[in-house]
Amino acid sequence: MAMPVRRHRGGGLQERPVWAPTPGNPLVEFDDLLNQMSGLLESTVGAAPAAAWTPLAEVSESEDAFHIEIELPGVKSKDVDVEVNGPELVVTGEIKERERKGVLRRSSRRVGAFEYRLRLPGELDTQKIKADMRDGVLSVTVPKADVAKSRRVEITESSGSTESSG
């Protein structure tokens, strides 16, 4: 008996579990329906592209800049792209699955394409953005434009008498 298969994100085939046919088990019918719908979709529009995952990040704001730290353990800086499009910061890349000898028994590591998007408020100085990768953390500093920075306005005191010239 052939096992039903389903394409997974990598584009290869993956065996699907088959539910034991017990009387009144709705999972058997649901699984069959899912296989039929999946086959119909793939034959019509092709396999779905792999979905990108979003890395963990921390965003802080100082008086003159936004500071973004994105956790990317094991990623090299050459495998990461940082772009700014207007007020939006976009960090993309991919963690490639490494080749192994033997059988992988368990893994909770993320692999594949990742994408982090952040829309920043106010005016930004996109020419002075800095990005630095250290110990698996990407640090991006996005300076605020001079017009967007807050400044303290000095109040001058006028003399108390107002004379009108006549």
N, C-alpha and C. Protein backbone atom coordinates (compact mmCIF):
# COMPACT_ATOMS: atom_id res chain seq x y z
N MET A 1 0.84 -1.17 0.00
CA MET A 1 0.00 0.00 0.00
C MET A 1 0.89 1.25 0.00
N ALA A 2 0.61 2.19 -0.86
CA ALA A 2 1.41 3.41 -0.95
C ALA A 2 0.96 4.39 0.13
N MET A 3 1.94 5.05 0.69
CA MET A 3 1.64 6.06 1.72
C MET A 3 1.31 7.37 1.03
N PRO A 4 0.30 8.10 1.50
CA PRO A 4 0.04 9.42 0.94
C PRO A 4 1.22 10.35 1.24
N VAL A 5 1.51 11.24 0.32
CA VAL A 5 2.62 12.16 0.50
C VAL A 5 2.15 13.59 0.30
N ARG A 6 2.90 14.52 0.87
CA ARG A 6 2.58 15.93 0.71
C ARG A 6 3.89 16.69 0.53
N ARG A 7 3.85 17.69 -0.31
CA ARG A 7 5.04 18.52 -0.50
C ARG A 7 5.16 19.43 0.72
N HIS A 8 6.39 19.62 1.17
CA HIS A 8 6.60 20.58 2.26
C HIS A 8 7.41 21.74 1.74
N ARG A 9 7.75 22.67 2.61
CA ARG A 9 8.37 23.92 2.20
C ARG A 9 9.62 23.73 1.34
N GLY A 10 10.38 22.71 1.59
CA GLY A 10 11.60 22.49 0.83
C GLY A 10 11.33 22.03 -0.59
N GLY A 11 10.09 21.71 -0.94
CA GLY A 11 9.75 21.30 -2.27
C GLY A 11 9.82 19.80 -2.46
N GLY A 12 10.41 19.08 -1.50
CA GLY A 12 10.50 17.64 -1.62
C GLY A 12 9.23 16.97 -1.13
N LEU A 13 9.25 15.66 -1.10
CA LEU A 13 8.07 14.94 -0.64
C LEU A 13 8.25 14.53 0.81
N GLN A 14 7.18 14.51 1.53
CA GLN A 14 7.22 14.16 2.94
C GLN A 14 6.07 13.20 3.20
N GLU A 15 6.36 12.13 3.93
CA GLU A 15 5.29 11.19 4.23
C GLU A 15 4.32 11.80 5.21
N ARG A 16 3.03 11.54 4.99
CA ARG A 16 2.00 12.04 5.89
C ARG A 16 1.54 10.89 6.78
N PRO A 17 1.22 11.17 8.02
CA PRO A 17 0.69 10.10 8.86
C PRO A 17 -0.70 9.70 8.38
N VAL A 18 -0.99 8.44 8.48
CA VAL A 18 -2.31 7.96 8.09
C VAL A 18 -3.05 7.60 9.36
N TRP A 19 -4.24 8.17 9.52
CA TRP A 19 -5.03 7.90 10.71
C TRP A 19 -5.62 6.51 10.61
N ALA A 20 -5.61 5.82 11.72
CA ALA A 20 -6.16 4.46 11.74
C ALA A 20 -7.66 4.53 11.51
N PRO A 21 -8.18 3.75 10.57
CA PRO A 21 -9.62 3.81 10.27
C PRO A 21 -10.44 3.15 11.37
N THR A 22 -10.84 3.95 12.34
CA THR A 22 -11.71 3.44 13.39
C THR A 22 -13.12 3.91 13.08
N PRO A 23 -14.11 3.15 13.45
CA PRO A 23 -15.49 3.54 13.15
C PRO A 23 -15.82 4.91 13.74
N GLY A 24 -16.32 5.79 12.89
CA GLY A 24 -16.75 7.10 13.33
C GLY A 24 -15.62 8.08 13.58
N ASN A 25 -14.39 7.78 13.11
CA ASN A 25 -13.27 8.69 13.32
C ASN A 25 -13.33 9.80 12.26
N PRO A 26 -13.66 11.02 12.66
CA PRO A 26 -13.78 12.10 11.68
C PRO A 26 -12.43 12.53 11.09
N LEU A 27 -11.34 12.19 11.76
CA LEU A 27 -10.03 12.59 11.26
C LEU A 27 -9.68 11.90 9.95
N VAL A 28 -10.16 10.68 9.76
CA VAL A 28 -9.87 9.96 8.52
C VAL A 28 -10.50 10.70 7.34
N GLU A 29 -11.76 11.08 7.48
CA GLU A 29 -12.44 11.80 6.40
C GLU A 29 -11.82 13.17 6.19
N PHE A 30 -11.48 13.84 7.27
CA PHE A 30 -10.87 15.16 7.16
C PHE A 30 -9.51 15.08 6.46
N ASP A 31 -8.70 14.08 6.82
CA ASP A 31 -7.39 13.91 6.21
C ASP A 31 -7.52 13.60 4.72
N ASP A 32 -8.48 12.80 4.36
CA ASP A 32 -8.71 12.48 2.95
C ASP A 32 -9.12 13.73 2.18
N LEU A 33 -10.02 14.52 2.77
CA LEU A 33 -10.46 15.76 2.14
C LEU A 33 -9.29 16.74 2.00
N LEU A 34 -8.45 16.84 3.01
CA LEU A 34 -7.29 17.71 2.98
C LEU A 34 -6.33 17.30 1.86
N ASN A 35 -6.10 15.99 1.71
CA ASN A 35 -5.23 15.49 0.64
C ASN A 35 -5.79 15.82 -0.73
N GLN A 36 -7.09 15.67 -0.89
CA GLN A 36 -7.72 15.97 -2.18
C GLN A 36 -7.61 17.47 -2.50
N MET A 37 -7.91 18.31 -1.51
CA MET A 37 -7.84 19.76 -1.73
C MET A 37 -6.41 20.20 -2.02
N SER A 38 -5.46 19.65 -1.29
CA SER A 38 -4.05 19.98 -1.49
C SER A 38 -3.59 19.60 -2.89
N GLY A 39 -3.97 18.41 -3.33
CA GLY A 39 -3.61 17.96 -4.68
C GLY A 39 -4.23 18.85 -5.74
N LEU A 40 -5.49 19.23 -5.54
CA LEU A 40 -6.18 20.10 -6.49
C LEU A 40 -5.50 21.47 -6.57
N LEU A 41 -5.17 22.04 -5.42
CA LEU A 41 -4.49 23.34 -5.40
C LEU A 41 -3.13 23.28 -6.08
N GLU A 42 -2.33 22.26 -5.75
CA GLU A 42 -0.99 22.15 -6.34
C GLU A 42 -1.05 21.94 -7.84
N SER A 43 -2.04 21.19 -8.31
CA SER A 43 -2.15 20.96 -9.75
C SER A 43 -2.63 22.21 -10.48
N THR A 44 -3.35 23.09 -9.78
CA THR A 44 -3.88 24.31 -10.39
C THR A 44 -2.86 25.45 -10.38
N VAL A 45 -2.30 25.76 -9.21
CA VAL A 45 -1.42 26.91 -9.09
C VAL A 45 0.02 26.56 -8.75
N GLY A 46 0.35 25.32 -8.58
CA GLY A 46 1.70 24.92 -8.21
C GLY A 46 1.87 24.90 -6.70
N ALA A 47 3.03 24.46 -6.28
CA ALA A 47 3.30 24.38 -4.84
C ALA A 47 3.43 25.77 -4.25
N ALA A 48 2.97 25.93 -3.03
CA ALA A 48 3.03 27.22 -2.35
C ALA A 48 4.47 27.55 -2.00
N PRO A 49 4.86 28.83 -2.12
CA PRO A 49 6.21 29.22 -1.73
C PRO A 49 6.40 29.08 -0.23
N ALA A 50 7.63 28.86 0.18
CA ALA A 50 7.91 28.71 1.60
C ALA A 50 7.64 30.04 2.31
N ALA A 51 6.96 29.96 3.43
CA ALA A 51 6.65 31.17 4.20
C ALA A 51 7.88 31.57 5.00
N ALA A 52 8.14 32.86 5.07
CA ALA A 52 9.26 33.37 5.84
C ALA A 52 8.85 33.48 7.31
N TRP A 53 9.77 33.21 8.20
CA TRP A 53 9.50 33.36 9.62
C TRP A 53 10.07 34.69 10.10
N THR A 54 9.58 35.17 11.22
CA THR A 54 9.99 36.47 11.75
C THR A 54 10.87 36.26 12.98
N PRO A 55 12.11 36.77 12.95
CA PRO A 55 12.99 36.62 14.12
C PRO A 55 12.54 37.52 15.27
N LEU A 56 13.00 37.19 16.48
CA LEU A 56 12.69 37.99 17.66
C LEU A 56 13.49 39.29 17.61
N ALA A 57 12.89 40.37 18.08
CA ALA A 57 13.56 41.67 18.01
C ALA A 57 13.16 42.54 19.18
N GLU A 58 13.97 43.57 19.40
CA GLU A 58 13.70 44.57 20.42
C GLU A 58 13.93 45.94 19.78
N VAL A 59 12.97 46.84 19.96
CA VAL A 59 13.05 48.18 19.37
C VAL A 59 13.02 49.20 20.50
N SER A 60 13.98 50.11 20.49
CA SER A 60 13.98 51.19 21.47
C SER A 60 14.19 52.51 20.74
N GLU A 61 13.82 53.60 21.41
CA GLU A 61 13.94 54.92 20.81
C GLU A 61 14.67 55.84 21.77
N SER A 62 15.66 56.53 21.24
CA SER A 62 16.34 57.56 22.03
C SER A 62 15.94 58.90 21.43
N GLU A 63 16.53 59.98 21.95
CA GLU A 63 16.17 61.31 21.47
C GLU A 63 16.52 61.51 20.00
N ASP A 64 17.62 60.85 19.56
CA ASP A 64 18.08 61.11 18.19
C ASP A 64 18.03 59.91 17.25
N ALA A 65 17.57 58.71 17.70
CA ALA A 65 17.57 57.55 16.81
C ALA A 65 16.67 56.44 17.32
N PHE A 66 16.39 55.49 16.42
CA PHE A 66 15.72 54.25 16.78
C PHE A 66 16.80 53.17 16.79
N HIS A 67 16.71 52.26 17.76
CA HIS A 67 17.69 51.19 17.89
C HIS A 67 16.94 49.86 17.83
N ILE A 68 17.33 49.01 16.87
CA ILE A 68 16.66 47.74 16.67
C ILE A 68 17.69 46.64 16.85
N GLU A 69 17.38 45.65 17.69
CA GLU A 69 18.24 44.48 17.86
C GLU A 69 17.44 43.26 17.47
N ILE A 70 17.96 42.50 16.51
CA ILE A 70 17.26 41.34 15.97
C ILE A 70 18.11 40.09 16.24
N GLU A 71 17.51 39.09 16.85
CA GLU A 71 18.22 37.86 17.17
C GLU A 71 18.32 36.96 15.95
N LEU A 72 19.56 36.72 15.51
CA LEU A 72 19.81 35.86 14.36
C LEU A 72 20.98 34.92 14.66
N PRO A 73 20.80 33.99 15.60
CA PRO A 73 21.90 33.12 15.99
C PRO A 73 22.38 32.25 14.83
N GLY A 74 23.70 32.20 14.67
CA GLY A 74 24.29 31.37 13.64
C GLY A 74 24.27 31.96 12.24
N VAL A 75 23.78 33.19 12.08
CA VAL A 75 23.69 33.81 10.77
C VAL A 75 24.91 34.70 10.54
N LYS A 76 25.47 34.61 9.34
CA LYS A 76 26.59 35.48 8.99
C LYS A 76 26.05 36.76 8.38
N SER A 77 26.77 37.86 8.56
CA SER A 77 26.30 39.15 8.07
C SER A 77 26.13 39.16 6.55
N LYS A 78 26.90 38.35 5.83
CA LYS A 78 26.76 38.31 4.37
C LYS A 78 25.45 37.66 3.93
N ASP A 79 24.77 36.96 4.84
CA ASP A 79 23.50 36.31 4.52
C ASP A 79 22.29 37.14 4.92
N VAL A 80 22.52 38.41 5.30
CA VAL A 80 21.44 39.29 5.75
C VAL A 80 21.41 40.54 4.88
N ASP A 81 20.21 40.98 4.51
CA ASP A 81 20.03 42.23 3.77
C ASP A 81 19.22 43.19 4.64
N VAL A 82 19.68 44.42 4.74
CA VAL A 82 18.97 45.46 5.47
C VAL A 82 18.63 46.56 4.47
N GLU A 83 17.34 46.87 4.35
CA GLU A 83 16.89 47.90 3.41
C GLU A 83 15.93 48.84 4.12
N VAL A 84 15.91 50.07 3.65
CA VAL A 84 14.96 51.04 4.15
C VAL A 84 14.21 51.58 2.95
N ASN A 85 12.89 51.52 3.02
CA ASN A 85 12.04 52.02 1.96
C ASN A 85 11.08 53.02 2.60
N GLY A 86 11.43 54.29 2.52
CA GLY A 86 10.61 55.30 3.19
C GLY A 86 10.72 55.10 4.69
N PRO A 87 9.58 54.98 5.38
CA PRO A 87 9.62 54.80 6.83
C PRO A 87 9.74 53.33 7.26
N GLU A 88 9.88 52.42 6.31
CA GLU A 88 9.88 50.99 6.64
C GLU A 88 11.27 50.39 6.56
N LEU A 89 11.66 49.70 7.64
CA LEU A 89 12.92 48.96 7.70
C LEU A 89 12.59 47.51 7.39
N VAL A 90 13.34 46.90 6.47
CA VAL A 90 13.10 45.51 6.11
C VAL A 90 14.42 44.75 6.22
N VAL A 91 14.43 43.70 7.04
CA VAL A 91 15.60 42.85 7.20
C VAL A 91 15.22 41.46 6.71
N THR A 92 15.95 40.96 5.71
CA THR A 92 15.65 39.64 5.15
C THR A 92 16.92 38.81 5.09
N GLY A 93 16.74 37.53 4.93
CA GLY A 93 17.87 36.63 4.79
C GLY A 93 17.40 35.20 4.83
N GLU A 94 18.36 34.31 4.94
CA GLU A 94 18.01 32.89 4.98
C GLU A 94 19.03 32.14 5.83
N ILE A 95 18.52 31.23 6.63
CA ILE A 95 19.37 30.33 7.38
C ILE A 95 19.29 29.00 6.65
N LYS A 96 20.41 28.60 6.09
CA LYS A 96 20.43 27.36 5.34
C LYS A 96 20.60 26.18 6.29
N GLU A 97 19.89 25.12 5.98
CA GLU A 97 20.02 23.92 6.79
C GLU A 97 21.35 23.27 6.45
N ARG A 98 22.14 22.98 7.46
CA ARG A 98 23.46 22.41 7.20
C ARG A 98 23.36 20.92 6.94
N GLU A 99 24.33 20.43 6.18
CA GLU A 99 24.35 19.00 5.87
C GLU A 99 24.86 18.23 7.08
N ARG A 100 24.25 17.09 7.31
CA ARG A 100 24.62 16.28 8.46
C ARG A 100 24.93 14.87 8.02
N LYS A 101 25.74 14.22 8.81
CA LYS A 101 25.96 12.80 8.63
C LYS A 101 25.05 12.09 9.61
N GLY A 102 24.41 11.06 9.17
CA GLY A 102 23.51 10.34 10.05
C GLY A 102 22.09 10.86 9.95
N VAL A 103 21.27 10.45 10.90
CA VAL A 103 19.85 10.78 10.89
C VAL A 103 19.58 11.85 11.94
N LEU A 104 18.88 12.91 11.55
CA LEU A 104 18.49 13.96 12.48
C LEU A 104 17.31 13.44 13.29
N ARG A 105 17.47 13.36 14.58
CA ARG A 105 16.42 12.84 15.45
C ARG A 105 15.50 13.92 15.99
N ARG A 106 16.05 15.11 16.20
CA ARG A 106 15.23 16.19 16.75
C ARG A 106 15.89 17.52 16.45
N SER A 107 15.08 18.52 16.12
CA SER A 107 15.61 19.85 15.88
C SER A 107 14.53 20.87 16.19
N SER A 108 14.90 21.91 16.90
CA SER A 108 13.97 23.01 17.15
C SER A 108 14.53 24.32 16.61
N ARG A 109 15.59 24.21 15.82
CA ARG A 109 16.19 25.39 15.21
C ARG A 109 15.36 25.85 14.02
N ARG A 110 15.34 27.15 13.81
CA ARG A 110 14.64 27.69 12.65
C ARG A 110 15.60 27.70 11.46
N VAL A 111 15.08 27.28 10.32
CA VAL A 111 15.84 27.34 9.08
C VAL A 111 14.94 27.92 8.00
N GLY A 112 15.54 28.35 6.92
CA GLY A 112 14.78 28.90 5.82
C GLY A 112 14.80 30.41 5.81
N ALA A 113 13.96 30.99 4.96
CA ALA A 113 13.92 32.44 4.78
C ALA A 113 13.30 33.12 6.00
N PHE A 114 13.87 34.26 6.38
CA PHE A 114 13.28 35.06 7.45
C PHE A 114 13.08 36.49 6.95
N GLU A 115 12.16 37.19 7.61
CA GLU A 115 11.87 38.57 7.24
C GLU A 115 11.38 39.31 8.47
N TYR A 116 11.96 40.49 8.69
CA TYR A 116 11.53 41.35 9.79
C TYR A 116 11.21 42.70 9.19
N ARG A 117 9.99 43.19 9.42
CA ARG A 117 9.56 44.49 8.90
C ARG A 117 9.16 45.37 10.07
N LEU A 118 9.55 46.65 9.97
CA LEU A 118 9.22 47.60 11.01
C LEU A 118 8.97 48.95 10.37
N ARG A 119 7.82 49.54 10.68
CA ARG A 119 7.48 50.88 10.18
C ARG A 119 7.81 51.88 11.29
N LEU A 120 8.71 52.81 10.99
CA LEU A 120 9.16 53.78 11.98
C LEU A 120 8.44 55.10 11.78
N PRO A 121 8.07 55.76 12.88
CA PRO A 121 7.37 57.05 12.78
C PRO A 121 8.34 58.20 12.53
N GLY A 122 7.82 59.27 11.98
CA GLY A 122 8.60 60.49 11.82
C GLY A 122 9.56 60.46 10.65
N GLU A 123 10.36 61.52 10.57
CA GLU A 123 11.35 61.66 9.50
C GLU A 123 12.63 60.96 9.92
N LEU A 124 13.24 60.23 8.97
CA LEU A 124 14.46 59.46 9.24
C LEU A 124 15.60 59.96 8.37
N ASP A 125 16.81 59.82 8.87
CA ASP A 125 18.00 60.15 8.09
C ASP A 125 18.54 58.84 7.53
N THR A 126 18.00 58.42 6.39
CA THR A 126 18.32 57.09 5.85
C THR A 126 19.77 56.99 5.35
N GLN A 127 20.44 58.10 5.14
CA GLN A 127 21.83 58.07 4.67
C GLN A 127 22.80 57.68 5.80
N LYS A 128 22.37 57.78 7.04
CA LYS A 128 23.28 57.52 8.16
C LYS A 128 22.92 56.26 8.96
N ILE A 129 22.14 55.36 8.37
CA ILE A 129 21.77 54.12 9.07
C ILE A 129 23.01 53.25 9.21
N LYS A 130 23.15 52.64 10.40
CA LYS A 130 24.28 51.75 10.65
C LYS A 130 23.75 50.39 11.09
N ALA A 131 24.41 49.32 10.62
CA ALA A 131 24.05 47.96 11.01
C ALA A 131 25.31 47.22 11.42
N ASP A 132 25.22 46.46 12.50
CA ASP A 132 26.37 45.74 13.03
C ASP A 132 25.91 44.37 13.52
N MET A 133 26.66 43.32 13.17
CA MET A 133 26.31 41.96 13.60
C MET A 133 27.36 41.51 14.61
N ARG A 134 26.90 41.12 15.81
CA ARG A 134 27.81 40.64 16.84
C ARG A 134 27.12 39.59 17.68
N ASP A 135 27.77 38.45 17.84
CA ASP A 135 27.28 37.36 18.69
C ASP A 135 25.85 36.95 18.35
N GLY A 136 25.51 36.90 17.06
CA GLY A 136 24.19 36.46 16.65
C GLY A 136 23.09 37.48 16.81
N VAL A 137 23.46 38.74 17.06
CA VAL A 137 22.47 39.81 17.20
C VAL A 137 22.80 40.90 16.19
N LEU A 138 21.83 41.20 15.34
CA LEU A 138 21.97 42.29 14.38
C LEU A 138 21.47 43.57 15.04
N SER A 139 22.35 44.58 15.15
CA SER A 139 21.97 45.87 15.74
C SER A 139 21.89 46.90 14.63
N VAL A 140 20.73 47.53 14.48
CA VAL A 140 20.53 48.55 13.46
C VAL A 140 20.18 49.85 14.16
N THR A 141 20.87 50.92 13.78
CA THR A 141 20.59 52.24 14.32
C THR A 141 20.08 53.11 13.19
N VAL A 142 18.87 53.64 13.35
CA VAL A 142 18.25 54.50 12.35
C VAL A 142 18.12 55.90 12.95
N PRO A 143 18.99 56.82 12.53
CA PRO A 143 18.93 58.18 13.08
C PRO A 143 17.68 58.93 12.62
N LYS A 144 17.21 59.78 13.50
CA LYS A 144 16.09 60.65 13.14
C LYS A 144 16.65 61.83 12.36
N ALA A 145 15.85 62.35 11.44
CA ALA A 145 16.26 63.53 10.70
C ALA A 145 16.25 64.73 11.64
N ASP A 146 17.06 65.73 11.32
CA ASP A 146 17.15 66.91 12.19
C ASP A 146 15.79 67.56 12.40
N VAL A 147 14.93 67.55 11.38
CA VAL A 147 13.62 68.18 11.53
C VAL A 147 12.73 67.39 12.49
N ALA A 148 13.01 66.09 12.66
CA ALA A 148 12.17 65.26 13.51
C ALA A 148 12.62 65.27 14.97
N LYS A 149 13.85 65.71 15.22
CA LYS A 149 14.36 65.70 16.59
C LYS A 149 13.67 66.78 17.41
N SER A 150 13.37 66.43 18.63
CA SER A 150 12.76 67.44 19.50
C SER A 150 13.86 68.35 20.02
N ARG A 151 13.53 69.58 20.26
CA ARG A 151 14.50 70.50 20.82
C ARG A 151 13.80 71.40 21.83
N ARG A 152 14.57 71.84 22.76
CA ARG A 152 14.03 72.72 23.79
C ARG A 152 14.09 74.15 23.27
N VAL A 153 13.00 74.85 23.47
CA VAL A 153 12.91 76.24 23.02
C VAL A 153 13.13 77.14 24.22
N GLU A 154 14.09 78.01 24.10
CA GLU A 154 14.38 78.97 25.17
C GLU A 154 13.31 80.05 25.16
N ILE A 155 12.89 80.44 26.33
CA ILE A 155 11.92 81.52 26.47
C ILE A 155 12.67 82.75 26.94
N THR A 156 12.57 83.79 26.18
CA THR A 156 13.24 85.03 26.58
C THR A 156 12.25 85.88 27.35
N GLU A 157 12.79 86.62 28.28
CA GLU A 157 11.92 87.45 29.10
C GLU A 157 12.01 88.89 28.60
N SER A 158 10.86 89.46 28.33
CA SER A 158 10.80 90.85 27.89
C SER A 158 10.69 91.75 29.10
N SER A 159 11.02 93.03 28.90
CA SER A 159 10.88 93.98 30.01
C SER A 159 9.39 94.14 30.31
N GLY A 160 9.08 94.41 31.54
CA GLY A 160 7.70 94.47 32.00
C GLY A 160 6.89 95.62 31.43
N SER A 161 7.52 96.75 31.06
CA SER A 161 6.74 97.88 30.58
C SER A 161 6.67 97.87 29.07
N THR A 162 5.50 98.13 28.58
CA THR A 162 5.31 98.24 27.14
C THR A 162 4.91 99.67 26.86
N GLU A 163 5.76 100.37 26.18
CA GLU A 163 5.47 101.76 25.85
C GLU A 163 5.06 101.85 24.40
N SER A 164 4.05 102.67 24.17
CA SER A 164 3.65 102.87 22.79
C SER A 164 4.21 104.19 22.31
N SER A 165 4.70 104.18 21.15
CA SER A 165 5.24 105.43 20.60
C SER A 165 4.15 106.18 19.90
N GLY A 166 4.12 107.41 20.03
CA GLY A 166 3.00 108.14 19.56
C GLY A 166 3.26 109.29 18.82
